[in-house]
């Protein structure tokens, strides 16, 4: 179960980083007119990236019983 949780956390982190990069690239070049690539969504993608990496850190370094 721990491996699955790490995978989900890393997926959210990677998705947030990739979508943020695409949004910034779209802002600079203007290759698409999709709403989800507009600047107001930067905060959402940053939230996904930060939440994903924090979840990974919490899962990876949690204390075990008896330690």
C-alpha atoms as a PDB file:
ATOM      1  CA  UNK A   1       0.000   0.000   0.000  1.00  0.00           C
ATOM      2  CA  UNK A   2       2.891   2.353   0.730  1.00  0.00           C
ATOM      3  CA  UNK A   3       4.263   1.928  -2.787  1.00  0.00           C
ATOM      4  CA  UNK A   4       0.872   2.776  -4.292  1.00  0.00           C
ATOM      5  CA  UNK A   5       0.599   5.894  -2.119  1.00  0.00           C
ATOM      6  CA  UNK A   6       4.069   7.033  -3.153  1.00  0.00           C
ATOM      7  CA  UNK A   7       3.143   6.501  -6.782  1.00  0.00           C
ATOM      8  CA  UNK A   8      -0.033   8.561  -6.471  1.00  0.00           C
ATOM      9  CA  UNK A   9       1.861  11.376  -4.722  1.00  0.00           C
ATOM     10  CA  UNK A  10       4.559  11.396  -7.393  1.00  0.00           C
ATOM     11  CA  UNK A  11       1.885  11.357 -10.108  1.00  0.00           C
ATOM     12  CA  UNK A  12       0.286  14.513  -8.666  1.00  0.00           C
ATOM     13  CA  UNK A  13       3.699  16.141  -8.391  1.00  0.00           C
ATOM     14  CA  UNK A  14       4.629  15.273 -11.978  1.00  0.00           C
ATOM     15  CA  UNK A  15       1.218  16.287 -13.342  1.00  0.00           C
ATOM     16  CA  UNK A  16       1.426  19.637 -11.560  1.00  0.00           C
ATOM     17  CA  UNK A  17       4.937  20.343 -12.865  1.00  0.00           C
ATOM     18  CA  UNK A  18       4.103  19.313 -16.437  1.00  0.00           C
ATOM     19  CA  UNK A  19       0.866  21.317 -16.539  1.00  0.00           C
ATOM     20  CA  UNK A  20       2.594  24.343 -15.007  1.00  0.00           C
ATOM     21  CA  UNK A  21       5.356  24.116 -17.609  1.00  0.00           C
ATOM     22  CA  UNK A  22       2.815  23.833 -20.436  1.00  0.00           C
ATOM     23  CA  UNK A  23       0.880  26.809 -19.075  1.00  0.00           C
ATOM     24  CA  UNK A  24       3.999  28.958 -18.832  1.00  0.00           C
ATOM     25  CA  UNK A  25       5.032  27.901 -22.327  1.00  0.00           C
ATOM     26  CA  UNK A  26       1.559  28.740 -23.629  1.00  0.00           C
ATOM     27  CA  UNK A  27       1.737  32.135 -21.914  1.00  0.00           C
ATOM     28  CA  UNK A  28       5.016  32.904 -23.668  1.00  0.00           C
ATOM     29  CA  UNK A  29       4.334  31.423 -27.098  1.00  0.00           C
ATOM     30  CA  UNK A  30       0.533  31.282 -27.249  1.00  0.00           C
ATOM     31  CA  UNK A  31       0.167  27.927 -28.995  1.00  0.00           C
ATOM     32  CA  UNK A  32      -3.298  27.059 -27.619  1.00  0.00           C
ATOM     33  CA  UNK A  33      -6.496  28.799 -26.543  1.00  0.00           C
ATOM     34  CA  UNK A  34      -7.659  26.145 -24.066  1.00  0.00           C
ATOM     35  CA  UNK A  35      -8.992  27.602 -20.819  1.00  0.00           C
ATOM     36  CA  UNK A  36      -6.936  25.255 -18.654  1.00  0.00           C
ATOM     37  CA  UNK A  37      -3.728  26.687 -20.171  1.00  0.00           C
ATOM     38  CA  UNK A  38      -4.490  30.267 -19.138  1.00  0.00           C
ATOM     39  CA  UNK A  39      -2.596  32.067 -16.324  1.00  0.00           C
ATOM     40  CA  UNK A  40      -5.353  31.754 -13.647  1.00  0.00           C
ATOM     41  CA  UNK A  41      -4.662  28.007 -13.514  1.00  0.00           C
ATOM     42  CA  UNK A  42      -1.015  28.487 -12.445  1.00  0.00           C
ATOM     43  CA  UNK A  43      -2.043  28.411  -8.803  1.00  0.00           C
ATOM     44  CA  UNK A  44      -3.889  25.113  -9.257  1.00  0.00           C
ATOM     45  CA  UNK A  45      -0.883  23.478 -10.887  1.00  0.00           C
ATOM     46  CA  UNK A  46       1.467  24.833  -8.216  1.00  0.00           C
ATOM     47  CA  UNK A  47      -0.907  23.483  -5.573  1.00  0.00           C
ATOM     48  CA  UNK A  48      -0.873  20.038  -7.239  1.00  0.00           C
ATOM     49  CA  UNK A  49       2.925  20.029  -7.383  1.00  0.00           C
ATOM     50  CA  UNK A  50       3.376  21.147  -3.767  1.00  0.00           C
ATOM     51  CA  UNK A  51       0.681  18.815  -2.432  1.00  0.00           C
ATOM     52  CA  UNK A  52       2.172  15.894  -4.344  1.00  0.00           C
ATOM     53  CA  UNK A  53       5.716  16.405  -3.118  1.00  0.00           C
ATOM     54  CA  UNK A  54       4.563  17.009   0.472  1.00  0.00           C
ATOM     55  CA  UNK A  55       2.455  13.843   0.412  1.00  0.00           C
ATOM     56  CA  UNK A  56       5.445  11.902  -0.907  1.00  0.00           C
ATOM     57  CA  UNK A  57       7.687  13.283   1.832  1.00  0.00           C
ATOM     58  CA  UNK A  58       5.123  12.495   4.542  1.00  0.00           C
ATOM     59  CA  UNK A  59       4.697   8.928   3.271  1.00  0.00           C
ATOM     60  CA  UNK A  60       8.411   8.321   2.733  1.00  0.00           C
ATOM     61  CA  UNK A  61       9.671   9.623   6.072  1.00  0.00           C
ATOM     62  CA  UNK A  62       6.823   8.721   8.448  1.00  0.00           C
ATOM     63  CA  UNK A  63       7.704   7.079  11.730  1.00  0.00           C
ATOM     64  CA  UNK A  64       7.121   3.370  12.099  1.00  0.00           C
ATOM     65  CA  UNK A  65       5.718   1.777  15.217  1.00  0.00           C
ATOM     66  CA  UNK A  66       8.465   0.647  17.556  1.00  0.00           C
ATOM     67  CA  UNK A  67      11.165   2.970  16.273  1.00  0.00           C
END
